[in-house]
Amino acid sequence: MADELMTTRELQEFLRLDRTTIYNLLSEGKLPGFKVGGQWRFSRREIEAWLREQQAAPPATAVRPSPDVLSLDCVQSIQAIFAEAMDVGSVVTRLDGEPLTEISNSCEFCNLILGTPEGYQRCVGSWRALASQRARRPKLHRCHAGLLYARGRIEVEDEFVAMVFAGQIVVDGALEEIETGIEELASACNLPVDRLREALPSIRRRDAEAAERLMDLLERLGETLSGIGRQQLVLLRKLRHIAEVTAL
């Protein structure tokens, strides 16, 4: 079957594009065509092949799920409300443990530790350690300082992109274990042991039932923040698409 040549007008009707868009695509080398006597002609076979390539290629408007799609102002507000309502410390981090938000409702004991470079890096290491957890259900773990904390998952399109933490607590009588190791902790964090010991009463205490309730709500918090990420991703993709169409 012989190949059919189309004029610019026929191509407009075939692609349902205006003349300006077609000429822009030609000038950028994105559309197959050639000139005959100063006028553009287009092979229907080549245009149909070009269309198939466009449909098969990943969309230029694709924005991948990542921590960058989270609306951090909104996340910070929700995190702060949760932390105050549950009377725990809370923060959202990347999977490498680096914080995306400021820590909400942190106790004085943890503020002292976070206030030194050594202590801060040890906290980041504790957060990072829970990125490898596969379980969706939050579970209490002991941080480098001996306090308990747990991680909720933030997922966007089923991709694990960030973590939300709740903690800075002890359950029942576990405070004695922290007191036992306080000198070693103070040395590791480059802190005066007396200041750290004076801040011990700021650590929150929970019973087992309250701790389990915290795990329930932390899981729901992770799901809520995941929903915000999904909505933001859809918006970013729409904005990228509008920008690309406008640039044609």
C-alpha atoms as a PDB file:
ATOM      1  CA  MET A   1       0.000   0.000   0.000  1.00  0.00           C
ATOM      2  CA  ALA A   2       1.460   3.362  -1.093  1.00  0.00           C
ATOM      3  CA  ASP A   3       2.301   5.893   1.584  1.00  0.00           C
ATOM      4  CA  GLU A   4      -0.016   8.920   1.712  1.00  0.00           C
ATOM      5  CA  LEU A   5       1.360  12.449   2.015  1.00  0.00           C
ATOM      6  CA  MET A   6      -0.577  14.999   4.060  1.00  0.00           C
ATOM      7  CA  THR A   7      -0.559  18.777   3.903  1.00  0.00           C
ATOM      8  CA  THR A   8      -0.256  20.903   7.024  1.00  0.00           C
ATOM      9  CA  ARG A   9      -4.013  21.446   7.041  1.00  0.00           C
ATOM     10  CA  GLU A  10      -4.686  17.722   6.716  1.00  0.00           C
ATOM     11  CA  LEU A  11      -2.218  17.050   9.512  1.00  0.00           C
ATOM     12  CA  GLN A  12      -4.024  19.583  11.697  1.00  0.00           C
ATOM     13  CA  GLU A  13      -7.271  17.690  11.220  1.00  0.00           C
ATOM     14  CA  PHE A  14      -5.570  14.327  11.715  1.00  0.00           C
ATOM     15  CA  LEU A  15      -3.842  15.319  14.975  1.00  0.00           C
ATOM     16  CA  ARG A  16      -6.495  17.828  16.067  1.00  0.00           C
ATOM     17  CA  LEU A  17      -3.798  20.444  16.690  1.00  0.00           C
ATOM     18  CA  ASP A  18      -3.620  24.068  15.611  1.00  0.00           C
ATOM     19  CA  ARG A  19      -1.104  25.281  13.006  1.00  0.00           C
ATOM     20  CA  THR A  20       1.086  27.107  15.563  1.00  0.00           C
ATOM     21  CA  THR A  21       1.549  23.959  17.649  1.00  0.00           C
ATOM     22  CA  ILE A  22       2.509  21.934  14.571  1.00  0.00           C
ATOM     23  CA  TYR A  23       5.085  24.514  13.486  1.00  0.00           C
ATOM     24  CA  ASN A  24       6.516  24.649  17.002  1.00  0.00           C
ATOM     25  CA  LEU A  25       6.903  20.867  17.035  1.00  0.00           C
ATOM     26  CA  LEU A  26       8.585  20.988  13.620  1.00  0.00           C
ATOM     27  CA  SER A  27      11.013  23.740  14.655  1.00  0.00           C
ATOM     28  CA  GLU A  28      11.998  21.698  17.734  1.00  0.00           C
ATOM     29  CA  GLY A  29      12.528  18.568  15.645  1.00  0.00           C
ATOM     30  CA  LYS A  30       9.771  16.708  17.498  1.00  0.00           C
ATOM     31  CA  LEU A  31       7.562  16.004  14.465  1.00  0.00           C
ATOM     32  CA  PRO A  32       8.583  14.129  11.263  1.00  0.00           C
ATOM     33  CA  GLY A  33       8.060  16.168   8.076  1.00  0.00           C
ATOM     34  CA  PHE A  34       9.826  17.528   5.014  1.00  0.00           C
ATOM     35  CA  LYS A  35       9.452  20.395   2.577  1.00  0.00           C
ATOM     36  CA  VAL A  36       8.484  20.172  -1.089  1.00  0.00           C
ATOM     37  CA  GLY A  37       8.745  23.458  -2.979  1.00  0.00           C
ATOM     38  CA  GLY A  38       8.720  25.392   0.290  1.00  0.00           C
ATOM     39  CA  GLN A  39       5.615  23.647   1.680  1.00  0.00           C
ATOM     40  CA  TRP A  40       5.513  21.062   4.422  1.00  0.00           C
ATOM     41  CA  ARG A  41       4.422  17.517   3.660  1.00  0.00           C
ATOM     42  CA  PHE A  42       3.957  14.658   6.105  1.00  0.00           C
ATOM     43  CA  SER A  43       4.073  10.916   5.579  1.00  0.00           C
ATOM     44  CA  ARG A  44       0.974   9.333   7.097  1.00  0.00           C
ATOM     45  CA  ARG A  45       2.992   6.192   7.833  1.00  0.00           C
ATOM     46  CA  GLU A  46       5.661   8.196   9.694  1.00  0.00           C
ATOM     47  CA  ILE A  47       3.063  10.245  11.580  1.00  0.00           C
ATOM     48  CA  GLU A  48       1.244   7.100  12.698  1.00  0.00           C
ATOM     49  CA  ALA A  49       4.565   5.590  13.861  1.00  0.00           C
ATOM     50  CA  TRP A  50       5.354   8.848  15.680  1.00  0.00           C
ATOM     51  CA  LEU A  51       1.985   8.706  17.454  1.00  0.00           C
ATOM     52  CA  ARG A  52       2.662   5.153  18.597  1.00  0.00           C
ATOM     53  CA  GLU A  53       6.007   6.281  20.022  1.00  0.00           C
ATOM     54  CA  GLN A  54       4.328   9.120  21.926  1.00  0.00           C
ATOM     55  CA  GLN A  55       1.793   6.755  23.429  1.00  0.00           C
ATOM     56  CA  ALA A  56       4.470   4.229  24.447  1.00  0.00           C
ATOM     57  CA  ALA A  57       6.861   6.743  25.977  1.00  0.00           C
ATOM     58  CA  PRO A  58       6.499   7.614  29.686  1.00  0.00           C
ATOM     59  CA  PRO A  59       4.651  10.917  30.074  1.00  0.00           C
ATOM     60  CA  ALA A  60       6.870  13.962  30.467  1.00  0.00           C
ATOM     61  CA  THR A  61       4.450  15.150  33.135  1.00  0.00           C
ATOM     62  CA  ALA A  62       5.305  12.199  35.403  1.00  0.00           C
ATOM     63  CA  VAL A  63       6.251  13.326  38.906  1.00  0.00           C
ATOM     64  CA  ARG A  64       7.569  10.468  40.984  1.00  0.00           C
ATOM     65  CA  PRO A  65       6.400   9.818  44.552  1.00  0.00           C
ATOM     66  CA  SER A  66       8.969  11.228  46.985  1.00  0.00           C
ATOM     67  CA  PRO A  67       9.153  13.189  50.249  1.00  0.00           C
ATOM     68  CA  ASP A  68       9.206  16.331  48.100  1.00  0.00           C
ATOM     69  CA  VAL A  69       5.509  15.928  47.230  1.00  0.00           C
ATOM     70  CA  LEU A  70       4.459  16.370  50.860  1.00  0.00           C
ATOM     71  CA  SER A  71       2.920  19.716  51.779  1.00  0.00           C
ATOM     72  CA  LEU A  72       5.176  20.308  54.768  1.00  0.00           C
ATOM     73  CA  ASP A  73       3.252  23.273  56.217  1.00  0.00           C
ATOM     74  CA  CYS A  74       0.149  21.100  56.396  1.00  0.00           C
ATOM     75  CA  VAL A  75       2.118  18.099  57.678  1.00  0.00           C
ATOM     76  CA  GLN A  76       3.750  20.233  60.380  1.00  0.00           C
ATOM     77  CA  SER A  77       0.375  21.488  61.629  1.00  0.00           C
ATOM     78  CA  ILE A  78      -1.161  18.012  61.796  1.00  0.00           C
ATOM     79  CA  GLN A  79       1.942  16.621  63.479  1.00  0.00           C
ATOM     80  CA  ALA A  80       1.867  19.381  66.113  1.00  0.00           C
ATOM     81  CA  ILE A  81      -1.811  18.780  66.916  1.00  0.00           C
ATOM     82  CA  PHE A  82      -1.209  15.034  67.224  1.00  0.00           C
ATOM     83  CA  ALA A  83       1.845  15.542  69.463  1.00  0.00           C
ATOM     84  CA  GLU A  84       0.053  17.908  71.804  1.00  0.00           C
ATOM     85  CA  ALA A  85      -3.127  15.820  71.955  1.00  0.00           C
ATOM     86  CA  MET A  86      -1.194  12.626  72.762  1.00  0.00           C
ATOM     87  CA  ASP A  87       1.479  14.450  74.821  1.00  0.00           C
ATOM     88  CA  VAL A  88       4.383  12.872  72.932  1.00  0.00           C
ATOM     89  CA  GLY A  89       7.264  14.139  70.830  1.00  0.00           C
ATOM     90  CA  SER A  90       6.715  13.803  67.087  1.00  0.00           C
ATOM     91  CA  VAL A  91       8.658  14.412  63.876  1.00  0.00           C
ATOM     92  CA  VAL A  92       8.496  13.482  60.180  1.00  0.00           C
ATOM     93  CA  THR A  93      11.717  12.361  58.513  1.00  0.00           C
ATOM     94  CA  ARG A  94      13.098  11.093  55.246  1.00  0.00           C
ATOM     95  CA  LEU A  95      14.034   7.415  55.048  1.00  0.00           C
ATOM     96  CA  ASP A  96      17.629   8.353  55.883  1.00  0.00           C
ATOM     97  CA  GLY A  97      16.403   9.777  59.196  1.00  0.00           C
ATOM     98  CA  GLU A  98      16.908  13.447  58.314  1.00  0.00           C
ATOM     99  CA  PRO A  99      13.941  15.516  59.592  1.00  0.00           C
ATOM    100  CA  LEU A 100      11.476  17.064  57.164  1.00  0.00           C
ATOM    101  CA  THR A 101       9.626  18.889  59.941  1.00  0.00           C
ATOM    102  CA  GLU A 102      10.538  20.530  63.207  1.00  0.00           C
ATOM    103  CA  ILE A 103      10.072  18.279  66.226  1.00  0.00           C
ATOM    104  CA  SER A 104       6.773  18.943  67.968  1.00  0.00           C
ATOM    105  CA  ASN A 105       6.241  18.866  71.744  1.00  0.00           C
ATOM    106  CA  SER A 106       9.736  17.607  72.533  1.00  0.00           C
ATOM    107  CA  CYS A 107      10.547  17.065  76.221  1.00  0.00           C
ATOM    108  CA  GLU A 108      13.422  18.902  77.916  1.00  0.00           C
ATOM    109  CA  PHE A 109      15.459  15.706  78.234  1.00  0.00           C
ATOM    110  CA  CYS A 110      15.382  15.156  74.469  1.00  0.00           C
ATOM    111  CA  ASN A 111      15.870  18.867  73.742  1.00  0.00           C
ATOM    112  CA  LEU A 112      19.198  18.735  75.584  1.00  0.00           C
ATOM    113  CA  ILE A 113      20.307  15.745  73.519  1.00  0.00           C
ATOM    114  CA  LEU A 114      19.118  17.238  70.225  1.00  0.00           C
ATOM    115  CA  GLY A 115      20.895  20.470  71.071  1.00  0.00           C
ATOM    116  CA  THR A 116      24.369  18.991  70.568  1.00  0.00           C
ATOM    117  CA  PRO A 117      25.760  17.802  67.198  1.00  0.00           C
ATOM    118  CA  GLU A 118      26.625  14.431  68.726  1.00  0.00           C
ATOM    119  CA  GLY A 119      23.175  13.962  70.238  1.00  0.00           C
ATOM    120  CA  TYR A 120      21.388  15.118  67.104  1.00  0.00           C
ATOM    121  CA  GLN A 121      23.243  12.622  64.914  1.00  0.00           C
ATOM    122  CA  ARG A 122      22.480   9.826  67.367  1.00  0.00           C
ATOM    123  CA  CYS A 123      18.759  10.699  67.152  1.00  0.00           C
ATOM    124  CA  VAL A 124      18.911  10.731  63.344  1.00  0.00           C
ATOM    125  CA  GLY A 125      20.525   7.298  63.536  1.00  0.00           C
ATOM    126  CA  SER A 126      17.682   5.998  65.718  1.00  0.00           C
ATOM    127  CA  TRP A 127      15.086   7.321  63.238  1.00  0.00           C
ATOM    128  CA  ARG A 128      16.977   5.908  60.274  1.00  0.00           C
ATOM    129  CA  ALA A 129      17.144   2.480  61.920  1.00  0.00           C
ATOM    130  CA  LEU A 130      13.368   2.044  61.642  1.00  0.00           C
ATOM    131  CA  ALA A 131      13.283   2.676  57.873  1.00  0.00           C
ATOM    132  CA  SER A 132      14.107  -0.990  57.278  1.00  0.00           C
ATOM    133  CA  GLN A 133      11.059  -2.192  59.218  1.00  0.00           C
ATOM    134  CA  ARG A 134       8.636  -3.968  56.905  1.00  0.00           C
ATOM    135  CA  ALA A 135       5.662  -4.105  59.251  1.00  0.00           C
ATOM    136  CA  ARG A 136       3.028  -1.434  58.688  1.00  0.00           C
ATOM    137  CA  ARG A 137       1.833  -1.580  62.258  1.00  0.00           C
ATOM    138  CA  PRO A 138       3.887   0.780  64.489  1.00  0.00           C
ATOM    139  CA  LYS A 139       5.791  -0.916  67.270  1.00  0.00           C
ATOM    140  CA  LEU A 140       7.671   0.583  70.216  1.00  0.00           C
ATOM    141  CA  HIS A 141      11.460   0.514  70.033  1.00  0.00           C
ATOM    142  CA  ARG A 142      14.162   1.836  72.320  1.00  0.00           C
ATOM    143  CA  CYS A 143      16.148   4.789  70.969  1.00  0.00           C
ATOM    144  CA  HIS A 144      19.853   5.441  71.601  1.00  0.00           C
ATOM    145  CA  ALA A 145      18.939   7.348  74.794  1.00  0.00           C
ATOM    146  CA  GLY A 146      16.768   4.554  76.169  1.00  0.00           C
ATOM    147  CA  LEU A 147      13.371   6.182  75.532  1.00  0.00           C
ATOM    148  CA  LEU A 148      10.635   4.467  73.553  1.00  0.00           C
ATOM    149  CA  TYR A 149       9.471   5.578  70.131  1.00  0.00           C
ATOM    150  CA  ALA A 150       7.603   4.165  67.119  1.00  0.00           C
ATOM    151  CA  ARG A 151       7.366   4.790  63.406  1.00  0.00           C
ATOM    152  CA  GLY A 152       4.356   5.271  61.119  1.00  0.00           C
ATOM    153  CA  ARG A 153       4.728   4.819  57.363  1.00  0.00           C
ATOM    154  CA  ILE A 154       4.004   7.583  54.861  1.00  0.00           C
ATOM    155  CA  GLU A 155       3.319   6.026  51.465  1.00  0.00           C
ATOM    156  CA  VAL A 156       2.489   7.698  48.153  1.00  0.00           C
ATOM    157  CA  GLU A 157       1.169   5.386  45.421  1.00  0.00           C
ATOM    158  CA  ASP A 158       2.325   2.393  47.499  1.00  0.00           C
ATOM    159  CA  GLU A 159       5.884   3.783  47.674  1.00  0.00           C
ATOM    160  CA  PHE A 160       7.387   4.267  51.143  1.00  0.00           C
ATOM    161  CA  VAL A 161       8.653   7.878  51.035  1.00  0.00           C
ATOM    162  CA  ALA A 162       8.845   9.171  54.624  1.00  0.00           C
ATOM    163  CA  MET A 163       8.315   8.295  58.287  1.00  0.00           C
ATOM    164  CA  VAL A 164       6.335   9.908  61.091  1.00  0.00           C
ATOM    165  CA  PHE A 165       7.542   9.241  64.628  1.00  0.00           C
ATOM    166  CA  ALA A 166       5.910   9.441  68.039  1.00  0.00           C
ATOM    167  CA  GLY A 167       7.703   8.810  71.284  1.00  0.00           C
ATOM    168  CA  GLN A 168       9.989  10.231  73.942  1.00  0.00           C
ATOM    169  CA  ILE A 169       8.142   8.056  76.461  1.00  0.00           C
ATOM    170  CA  VAL A 170       8.760   5.257  78.947  1.00  0.00           C
ATOM    171  CA  VAL A 171       6.263   2.531  79.783  1.00  0.00           C
ATOM    172  CA  ASP A 172       5.557   1.694  83.414  1.00  0.00           C
ATOM    173  CA  GLY A 173       8.789   1.681  85.463  1.00  0.00           C
ATOM    174  CA  ALA A 174      11.375   1.804  82.672  1.00  0.00           C
ATOM    175  CA  LEU A 175      12.773   5.195  83.743  1.00  0.00           C
ATOM    176  CA  GLU A 176      15.251   3.473  86.054  1.00  0.00           C
ATOM    177  CA  GLU A 177      17.049   1.956  83.054  1.00  0.00           C
ATOM    178  CA  ILE A 178      17.654   5.435  81.633  1.00  0.00           C
ATOM    179  CA  GLU A 179      18.985   6.675  84.952  1.00  0.00           C
ATOM    180  CA  THR A 180      21.417   3.750  85.101  1.00  0.00           C
ATOM    181  CA  GLY A 181      23.026   4.663  81.784  1.00  0.00           C
ATOM    182  CA  ILE A 182      22.810   8.434  82.055  1.00  0.00           C
ATOM    183  CA  GLU A 183      26.532   9.040  82.567  1.00  0.00           C
ATOM    184  CA  GLU A 184      27.443   7.106  79.424  1.00  0.00           C
ATOM    185  CA  LEU A 185      24.679   8.915  77.480  1.00  0.00           C
ATOM    186  CA  ALA A 186      25.858  12.329  78.669  1.00  0.00           C
ATOM    187  CA  SER A 187      29.411  11.548  77.598  1.00  0.00           C
ATOM    188  CA  ALA A 188      28.310  10.309  74.149  1.00  0.00           C
ATOM    189  CA  CYS A 189      26.202  13.449  73.589  1.00  0.00           C
ATOM    190  CA  ASN A 190      28.830  15.831  75.013  1.00  0.00           C
ATOM    191  CA  LEU A 191      26.481  17.017  77.770  1.00  0.00           C
ATOM    192  CA  PRO A 192      26.952  17.745  81.479  1.00  0.00           C
ATOM    193  CA  VAL A 193      25.529  14.742  83.278  1.00  0.00           C
ATOM    194  CA  ASP A 194      23.933  16.934  85.965  1.00  0.00           C
ATOM    195  CA  ARG A 195      21.870  18.850  83.386  1.00  0.00           C
ATOM    196  CA  LEU A 196      20.688  15.628  81.794  1.00  0.00           C
ATOM    197  CA  ARG A 197      19.808  14.128  85.184  1.00  0.00           C
ATOM    198  CA  GLU A 198      17.818  17.251  86.130  1.00  0.00           C
ATOM    199  CA  ALA A 199      15.737  16.857  82.960  1.00  0.00           C
ATOM    200  CA  LEU A 200      14.704  13.265  83.706  1.00  0.00           C
ATOM    201  CA  PRO A 201      11.295  14.284  85.175  1.00  0.00           C
ATOM    202  CA  SER A 202      10.305  15.782  81.786  1.00  0.00           C
ATOM    203  CA  ILE A 203      10.156  12.297  80.225  1.00  0.00           C
ATOM    204  CA  ARG A 204       6.536  11.183  79.814  1.00  0.00           C
ATOM    205  CA  ARG A 205       5.331   7.963  81.394  1.00  0.00           C
ATOM    206  CA  ARG A 206       2.679   5.683  79.897  1.00  0.00           C
ATOM    207  CA  ASP A 207       1.088   2.412  80.893  1.00  0.00           C
ATOM    208  CA  ALA A 208       0.814  -0.486  78.437  1.00  0.00           C
ATOM    209  CA  GLU A 209      -2.773   0.330  77.465  1.00  0.00           C
ATOM    210  CA  ALA A 210      -1.976   3.974  76.653  1.00  0.00           C
ATOM    211  CA  ALA A 211       1.078   2.877  74.647  1.00  0.00           C
ATOM    212  CA  GLU A 212      -1.064   0.538  72.555  1.00  0.00           C
ATOM    213  CA  ARG A 213      -3.571   3.334  71.921  1.00  0.00           C
ATOM    214  CA  LEU A 214      -0.685   5.513  70.760  1.00  0.00           C
ATOM    215  CA  MET A 215       0.286   2.841  68.194  1.00  0.00           C
ATOM    216  CA  ASP A 216      -3.283   2.836  66.830  1.00  0.00           C
ATOM    217  CA  LEU A 217      -3.330   6.592  66.361  1.00  0.00           C
ATOM    218  CA  LEU A 218       0.198   6.743  64.950  1.00  0.00           C
ATOM    219  CA  GLU A 219      -0.797   4.251  62.270  1.00  0.00           C
ATOM    220  CA  ARG A 220      -3.799   6.410  61.394  1.00  0.00           C
ATOM    221  CA  LEU A 221      -1.610   9.507  61.351  1.00  0.00           C
ATOM    222  CA  GLY A 222       0.665   7.831  58.818  1.00  0.00           C
ATOM    223  CA  GLU A 223      -2.351   7.002  56.650  1.00  0.00           C
ATOM    224  CA  THR A 224      -3.588  10.613  56.860  1.00  0.00           C
ATOM    225  CA  LEU A 225      -0.212  12.044  55.842  1.00  0.00           C
ATOM    226  CA  SER A 226      -0.063   9.486  53.028  1.00  0.00           C
ATOM    227  CA  GLY A 227      -3.379  10.825  51.742  1.00  0.00           C
ATOM    228  CA  ILE A 228      -2.005  14.370  51.754  1.00  0.00           C
ATOM    229  CA  GLY A 229       0.991  13.178  49.750  1.00  0.00           C
ATOM    230  CA  ARG A 230      -1.220  11.480  47.159  1.00  0.00           C
ATOM    231  CA  GLN A 231      -3.362  14.589  46.701  1.00  0.00           C
ATOM    232  CA  GLN A 232      -0.278  16.789  46.383  1.00  0.00           C
ATOM    233  CA  LEU A 233       1.203  14.436  43.774  1.00  0.00           C
ATOM    234  CA  VAL A 234      -1.942  14.680  41.648  1.00  0.00           C
ATOM    235  CA  LEU A 235      -1.828  18.477  41.881  1.00  0.00           C
ATOM    236  CA  LEU A 236       1.864  18.623  40.935  1.00  0.00           C
ATOM    237  CA  ARG A 237       1.240  16.427  37.914  1.00  0.00           C
ATOM    238  CA  LYS A 238      -1.591  18.648  36.760  1.00  0.00           C
ATOM    239  CA  LEU A 239       0.548  21.755  37.145  1.00  0.00           C
ATOM    240  CA  ARG A 240       3.415  20.134  35.224  1.00  0.00           C
ATOM    241  CA  HIS A 241       1.013  19.163  32.441  1.00  0.00           C
ATOM    242  CA  ILE A 242      -0.366  22.702  32.225  1.00  0.00           C
ATOM    243  CA  ALA A 243       3.175  24.087  32.039  1.00  0.00           C
ATOM    244  CA  GLU A 244       4.134  21.701  29.247  1.00  0.00           C
ATOM    245  CA  VAL A 245       1.005  22.378  27.206  1.00  0.00           C
ATOM    246  CA  THR A 246       1.498  26.120  27.616  1.00  0.00           C
ATOM    247  CA  ALA A 247       5.089  25.804  26.392  1.00  0.00           C
ATOM    248  CA  LEU A 248       4.048  24.153  23.113  1.00  0.00           C
END
